[in-house]
Amino acid sequence: MATATSPDGATSRLAAKRPAIADSSFRVLSLACGLLVLVILALIAFAMTARAVPAFRHSGVSFITSSTWNPAADEYGALAFIYGTLVTSLLAVLIGVPVSVGIALLLTEVAPGSIRRPIIYLVDLLAAIPSVVYGLWALLVLVKPIDSLYGSISSAVSGIPVLDSLFGGGHNGKSLFTAGLILALMITPIVTSLTREVFATVPAAQKEAAYALGATRWEMIRGSVLTYGRSGVVGAVMLGLARAMGETIAVALIVGSSPQVTSHLFKSGDTMAAVIANSFNESTQGSLYQSALIGLGVVLFALTIVVNLSARSVLSRAEKRLGAPL
């Protein structure tokens, strides 16, 4: 015997199915988007590695361990470019991150509203300036004056251990340190904006609780703001580091294009991205030289992934040590 179904019951079952279908569709769509990113990364890595295989076979391990880059003799060693990339990026982070965090704290905790908005606009404007403009400005305006400054510093630290090996031994306006300065200027707006947004999410109750316990403003910032936002700050720093490692035109104009491994920061150097930009058009399609340049891109790609995985590892260890999710 058939049982009649009331219109209200059918409507309620249909309404119950709709959220389930919507949730399932959203889950599948999100999964597809996430997998698409991985597929794109895998395709990029595969295509570049396939083009770089001839250079890797020709040079072997010396492609990474050798600093000799002589296309005329088919000698390709990327160590000097890897070194230049790491040094300039590290200088950018060491110089730019403290400034960025300081500006972010100024905007969120110290500055009154009347000057906060103009500073935010200025920071956003700096982030919108093309990198080639930074490079041209450094080349036309900064290189000569800073070369004289390098000479004074080099003379002042002569004979002093460590400082002499870092800032002595000659100088050049187009140098690793100049490239690091420009990269620091370029990553400062990015790190500042992200860090400011992180600090702005700190609960007001958490800061008020610190004040209620008798904390000074600095103690509140150190114990509440910086602790609460540490994961966001690390993420901002890693994004700035990735930008510095991959920057091309600005660095190519001012780094000096001299592939060498030296501890003297006031001397010329070169980076992987810069040498690819400067030399790729000179290479012949399908040649060993072009394969070596693509191999530099593969190394840079792998280095960026290693840096990001290392950052996640640091955050995971901090999470286990502090017992709080990051």
Protein backbone atom coordinates (compact mmCIF):
# COMPACT_ATOMS: atom_id res chain seq x y z
CA MET A 1 0.00 0.00 0.00
CA ALA A 2 1.54 3.32 -1.07
CA THR A 3 2.14 5.92 1.54
CA ALA A 4 1.35 9.49 0.61
CA THR A 5 4.08 11.99 1.05
CA SER A 6 3.12 15.42 2.25
CA PRO A 7 4.37 18.41 0.28
CA ASP A 8 5.98 19.79 3.42
CA GLY A 9 7.98 16.59 3.96
CA ALA A 10 9.27 16.53 0.38
CA THR A 11 10.28 20.17 0.61
CA SER A 12 12.20 19.60 3.83
CA ARG A 13 14.10 16.63 2.35
CA LEU A 14 14.97 18.67 -0.74
CA ALA A 15 16.18 21.54 1.41
CA ALA A 16 18.34 19.13 3.40
CA LYS A 17 19.94 17.77 0.22
CA ARG A 18 20.86 21.20 -1.14
CA PRO A 19 23.44 22.05 1.57
CA ALA A 20 24.97 18.59 1.21
CA ILE A 21 25.31 19.02 -2.56
CA ALA A 22 26.72 22.53 -2.13
CA ASP A 23 29.26 21.35 0.46
CA SER A 24 30.35 18.43 -1.73
CA SER A 25 30.71 20.66 -4.78
CA PHE A 26 32.72 23.22 -2.85
CA ARG A 27 34.97 20.48 -1.44
CA VAL A 28 35.64 19.05 -4.89
CA LEU A 29 36.27 22.51 -6.36
CA SER A 30 38.70 23.42 -3.57
CA LEU A 31 40.54 20.12 -3.97
CA ALA A 32 40.76 20.66 -7.74
CA CYS A 33 42.21 24.15 -7.27
CA GLY A 34 44.80 22.88 -4.79
CA LEU A 35 45.80 20.00 -7.07
CA LEU A 36 45.97 22.40 -10.03
CA VAL A 37 48.65 24.42 -8.26
CA LEU A 38 50.69 21.28 -7.65
CA VAL A 39 50.24 20.16 -11.24
CA ILE A 40 51.41 23.53 -12.56
CA LEU A 41 54.49 23.43 -10.30
CA ALA A 42 55.24 19.88 -11.43
CA LEU A 43 54.90 20.83 -15.11
CA ILE A 44 57.19 23.84 -14.67
CA ALA A 45 59.79 21.72 -12.91
CA PHE A 46 59.55 18.96 -15.52
CA ALA A 47 59.79 21.30 -18.52
CA MET A 48 62.76 23.22 -17.14
CA THR A 49 64.59 20.13 -15.95
CA ALA A 50 64.16 18.44 -19.32
CA ARG A 51 65.77 21.45 -21.03
CA ALA A 52 68.59 21.54 -18.46
CA VAL A 53 69.50 17.85 -18.61
CA PRO A 54 72.26 18.30 -21.26
CA ALA A 55 74.08 20.82 -19.05
CA PHE A 56 73.68 18.62 -15.97
CA ARG A 57 75.06 15.62 -17.88
CA HIS A 58 77.94 17.65 -19.29
CA SER A 59 79.05 19.23 -16.00
CA GLY A 60 77.84 16.68 -13.48
CA VAL A 61 78.21 17.65 -9.83
CA SER A 62 80.60 20.44 -10.79
CA PHE A 63 77.60 22.39 -12.06
CA ILE A 64 76.85 23.07 -8.39
CA THR A 65 80.31 22.85 -6.82
CA SER A 66 82.38 24.77 -9.37
CA SER A 67 82.56 28.56 -9.64
CA THR A 68 84.04 28.55 -13.15
CA TRP A 69 81.59 29.90 -15.72
CA ASN A 70 83.23 30.01 -19.15
CA PRO A 71 80.78 29.41 -22.03
CA ALA A 72 83.58 29.68 -24.61
CA ALA A 73 85.21 26.58 -23.11
CA ASP A 74 81.91 24.87 -22.26
CA GLU A 75 82.65 25.14 -18.53
CA TYR A 76 79.55 25.78 -16.47
CA GLY A 77 79.78 26.11 -12.71
CA ALA A 78 76.90 27.81 -10.90
CA LEU A 79 78.47 28.15 -7.45
CA ALA A 80 79.34 31.85 -7.85
CA PHE A 81 75.79 32.66 -8.93
CA ILE A 82 74.27 30.61 -6.10
CA TYR A 83 76.56 32.39 -3.68
CA GLY A 84 75.64 35.83 -5.04
CA THR A 85 71.92 35.02 -4.86
CA LEU A 86 72.14 33.87 -1.25
CA VAL A 87 74.34 36.77 -0.12
CA THR A 88 72.24 39.53 -1.68
CA SER A 89 69.00 37.95 -0.43
CA LEU A 90 70.39 37.52 3.08
CA LEU A 91 71.56 41.14 3.12
CA ALA A 92 68.10 42.25 1.98
CA VAL A 93 66.43 40.31 4.79
CA LEU A 94 68.90 41.48 7.47
CA ILE A 95 68.45 45.11 6.46
CA GLY A 96 64.83 45.19 5.36
CA VAL A 97 63.03 43.00 7.90
CA PRO A 98 63.88 44.99 11.08
CA VAL A 99 62.84 48.19 9.30
CA SER A 100 59.62 46.57 8.08
CA VAL A 101 58.67 45.21 11.50
CA GLY A 102 59.45 48.59 13.06
CA ILE A 103 57.23 50.41 10.57
CA ALA A 104 54.44 47.87 11.10
CA LEU A 105 54.62 48.34 14.88
CA LEU A 106 54.63 52.11 14.40
CA LEU A 107 51.49 51.96 12.29
CA THR A 108 49.57 49.58 14.56
CA GLU A 109 50.70 50.50 18.06
CA VAL A 110 52.34 53.93 18.17
CA ALA A 111 51.37 56.35 15.39
CA PRO A 112 48.24 58.47 15.81
CA GLY A 113 45.52 58.15 13.21
CA SER A 114 46.37 61.50 11.60
CA ILE A 115 49.73 60.29 10.30
CA ARG A 116 48.99 56.57 10.08
CA ARG A 117 47.04 56.73 6.83
CA PRO A 118 49.63 58.83 4.88
CA ILE A 119 52.38 56.41 5.90
CA ILE A 120 50.27 53.45 4.76
CA TYR A 121 49.69 55.14 1.41
CA LEU A 122 53.42 55.78 1.06
CA VAL A 123 54.30 52.16 1.84
CA ASP A 124 51.73 50.91 -0.68
CA LEU A 125 53.12 53.33 -3.26
CA LEU A 126 56.64 51.97 -2.78
CA ALA A 127 55.33 48.44 -3.36
CA ALA A 128 53.81 49.54 -6.68
CA ILE A 129 57.05 50.94 -8.13
CA PRO A 130 58.46 48.64 -10.88
CA SER A 131 61.73 46.95 -10.06
CA VAL A 132 63.45 48.42 -13.11
CA VAL A 133 62.85 51.90 -11.67
CA TYR A 134 64.66 50.92 -8.48
CA GLY A 135 67.52 49.56 -10.54
CA LEU A 136 67.80 52.64 -12.75
CA TRP A 137 67.66 54.96 -9.74
CA ALA A 138 70.45 53.01 -8.05
CA LEU A 139 72.52 52.95 -11.23
CA LEU A 140 72.16 56.66 -12.01
CA VAL A 141 72.04 58.18 -8.52
CA LEU A 142 73.31 55.78 -5.88
CA VAL A 143 76.31 53.96 -7.35
CA LYS A 144 78.86 56.80 -7.41
CA PRO A 145 78.15 58.33 -3.97
CA ILE A 146 77.98 54.95 -2.30
CA ASP A 147 81.28 53.93 -3.90
CA SER A 148 82.96 56.81 -2.05
CA LEU A 149 81.25 55.71 1.16
CA TYR A 150 82.48 52.17 0.61
CA GLY A 151 86.02 53.50 0.24
CA SER A 152 85.80 55.33 3.58
CA ILE A 153 84.40 52.27 5.34
CA SER A 154 86.99 49.99 3.76
CA SER A 155 89.81 52.24 4.97
CA ALA A 156 88.30 52.50 8.47
CA VAL A 157 88.01 48.73 9.00
CA SER A 158 91.37 47.84 7.45
CA GLY A 159 93.23 45.41 9.68
CA ILE A 160 90.23 44.70 11.94
CA PRO A 161 89.44 40.97 12.06
CA VAL A 162 86.18 39.89 10.45
CA LEU A 163 85.23 43.45 9.45
CA ASP A 164 88.22 43.65 7.12
CA SER A 165 87.24 40.39 5.43
CA LEU A 166 83.67 41.64 4.97
CA PHE A 167 84.12 45.30 4.08
CA GLY A 168 87.80 45.61 3.14
CA GLY A 169 89.80 44.40 0.18
CA GLY A 170 88.63 46.92 -2.40
CA HIS A 171 85.27 48.37 -3.29
CA ASN A 172 82.92 49.03 -6.17
CA GLY A 173 79.62 50.92 -6.33
CA LYS A 174 78.20 48.01 -8.34
CA SER A 175 78.54 45.35 -5.69
CA LEU A 176 76.83 42.64 -3.69
CA PHE A 177 76.12 45.07 -0.86
CA THR A 178 74.52 47.64 -3.17
CA ALA A 179 72.30 44.92 -4.62
CA GLY A 180 71.37 43.88 -1.09
CA LEU A 181 70.45 47.48 -0.21
CA ILE A 182 68.18 47.83 -3.23
CA LEU A 183 66.56 44.46 -2.57
CA ALA A 184 65.97 45.52 1.05
CA LEU A 185 64.26 48.66 -0.22
CA MET A 186 62.13 46.58 -2.57
CA ILE A 187 60.99 43.98 -0.04
CA THR A 188 60.33 46.48 2.76
CA PRO A 189 56.86 47.54 1.48
CA ILE A 190 55.78 43.91 1.03
CA VAL A 191 56.97 42.72 4.43
CA THR A 192 55.62 45.87 6.08
CA SER A 193 52.13 45.49 4.61
CA LEU A 194 51.83 41.82 5.53
CA THR A 195 53.27 42.31 9.00
CA ARG A 196 50.97 45.26 9.65
CA GLU A 197 47.94 43.16 8.76
CA VAL A 198 49.13 40.41 11.11
CA PHE A 199 49.67 42.82 14.01
CA ALA A 200 46.26 44.37 13.40
CA THR A 201 44.62 40.99 14.10
CA VAL A 202 45.98 40.76 17.65
CA PRO A 203 42.93 40.73 19.97
CA ALA A 204 42.50 43.99 21.87
CA ALA A 205 41.64 41.99 25.00
CA GLN A 206 45.06 40.34 24.90
CA LYS A 207 46.82 43.71 24.83
CA GLU A 208 44.58 45.15 27.52
CA ALA A 209 45.31 42.13 29.72
CA ALA A 210 49.04 42.81 29.40
CA TYR A 211 48.51 46.43 30.43
CA ALA A 212 46.32 45.29 33.33
CA LEU A 213 49.19 43.18 34.62
CA GLY A 214 51.40 46.27 34.71
CA ALA A 215 53.28 45.77 31.43
CA THR A 216 54.83 48.72 29.67
CA ARG A 217 54.10 49.36 25.99
CA TRP A 218 57.29 47.55 24.92
CA GLU A 219 56.54 44.62 27.23
CA MET A 220 53.03 44.43 25.79
CA ILE A 221 54.39 44.47 22.24
CA ARG A 222 56.99 41.83 23.02
CA GLY A 223 54.71 39.55 25.00
CA SER A 224 51.43 39.96 23.12
CA VAL A 225 51.85 41.43 19.65
CA LEU A 226 55.10 39.79 18.56
CA THR A 227 54.26 36.46 20.17
CA TYR A 228 50.76 36.33 18.69
CA GLY A 229 51.93 37.32 15.22
CA ARG A 230 55.18 35.38 14.99
CA SER A 231 53.91 32.93 12.37
CA GLY A 232 52.58 35.76 10.21
CA VAL A 233 55.88 37.64 10.51
CA VAL A 234 57.80 34.54 9.46
CA GLY A 235 55.48 34.13 6.48
CA ALA A 236 56.01 37.76 5.49
CA VAL A 237 59.77 37.37 5.81
CA MET A 238 59.76 34.25 3.65
CA LEU A 239 57.70 36.01 1.00
CA GLY A 240 60.16 38.89 1.05
CA LEU A 241 63.07 36.46 0.82
CA ALA A 242 61.49 34.75 -2.16
CA ARG A 243 61.04 38.14 -3.84
CA ALA A 244 64.68 39.00 -3.17
CA MET A 245 65.97 35.67 -4.49
CA GLY A 246 63.98 35.95 -7.70
CA GLU A 247 64.52 39.64 -8.43
CA THR A 248 66.15 40.14 -11.81
CA ILE A 249 66.36 43.51 -13.54
CA ALA A 250 67.25 45.73 -10.58
CA VAL A 251 69.98 43.34 -9.45
CA ALA A 252 71.30 42.84 -12.98
CA LEU A 253 71.88 46.60 -13.27
CA ILE A 254 73.84 47.08 -10.05
CA VAL A 255 75.40 43.80 -8.92
CA GLY A 256 78.42 44.16 -11.20
CA SER A 257 78.01 40.96 -13.27
CA SER A 258 81.22 39.43 -11.95
CA PRO A 259 80.83 35.72 -11.09
CA GLN A 260 83.07 35.23 -8.08
CA VAL A 261 82.89 33.82 -4.58
CA THR A 262 84.25 36.44 -2.23
CA SER A 263 83.72 37.44 1.38
CA HIS A 264 84.18 41.12 0.52
CA LEU A 265 80.67 42.53 0.25
CA PHE A 266 81.82 45.75 -1.43
CA LYS A 267 83.04 43.82 -4.48
CA SER A 268 81.06 42.91 -7.58
CA GLY A 269 79.19 39.64 -7.91
CA ASP A 270 76.34 38.07 -9.81
CA THR A 271 73.12 36.18 -9.17
CA MET A 272 71.31 33.38 -10.96
CA ALA A 273 68.35 35.51 -12.03
CA ALA A 274 70.62 38.35 -13.21
CA VAL A 275 72.87 36.18 -15.38
CA ILE A 276 69.85 34.50 -16.97
CA ALA A 277 68.37 37.90 -17.84
CA ASN A 278 71.67 39.24 -19.18
CA SER A 279 72.72 36.20 -21.20
CA PHE A 280 69.67 34.27 -22.35
CA ASN A 281 69.14 36.28 -25.55
CA GLU A 282 72.79 35.69 -26.47
CA SER A 283 72.44 31.92 -26.28
CA THR A 284 71.56 29.77 -29.26
CA GLN A 285 68.35 27.79 -29.21
CA GLY A 286 69.08 24.25 -28.05
CA SER A 287 72.75 24.94 -27.31
CA LEU A 288 74.62 23.69 -24.26
CA TYR A 289 74.98 27.31 -23.11
CA GLN A 290 71.22 27.82 -23.13
CA SER A 291 70.76 24.51 -21.33
CA ALA A 292 73.16 25.71 -18.63
CA LEU A 293 71.20 28.95 -18.21
CA ILE A 294 67.98 26.96 -17.86
CA GLY A 295 69.83 24.79 -15.35
CA LEU A 296 70.43 27.92 -13.28
CA GLY A 297 66.68 28.47 -13.32
CA VAL A 298 66.13 24.92 -12.09
CA VAL A 299 68.60 25.46 -9.25
CA LEU A 300 66.90 28.74 -8.31
CA PHE A 301 63.51 27.01 -8.38
CA ALA A 302 64.78 24.22 -6.13
CA LEU A 303 66.50 26.67 -3.80
CA THR A 304 63.27 28.62 -3.34
CA ILE A 305 61.39 25.43 -2.46
CA VAL A 306 64.09 24.41 0.03
CA VAL A 307 63.94 27.81 1.73
CA ASN A 308 60.16 27.62 2.10
CA LEU A 309 60.27 24.06 3.42
CA SER A 310 62.95 25.11 5.91
CA ALA A 311 60.72 27.95 7.11
CA ARG A 312 57.84 25.53 7.66
CA SER A 313 60.17 23.23 9.57
CA VAL A 314 61.24 26.10 11.84
CA LEU A 315 57.61 26.98 12.50
CA SER A 316 56.75 23.35 13.27
CA ARG A 317 59.58 23.08 15.80
CA ALA A 318 58.48 26.34 17.40
CA GLU A 319 54.93 25.01 17.61
CA LYS A 320 56.08 21.86 19.42
CA ARG A 321 58.32 23.86 21.76
CA LEU A 322 55.71 26.48 22.67
CA GLY A 323 52.76 24.12 22.61
CA ALA A 324 50.64 26.51 20.58
CA PRO A 325 49.48 26.32 16.99
CA LEU A 326 51.20 28.65 14.54
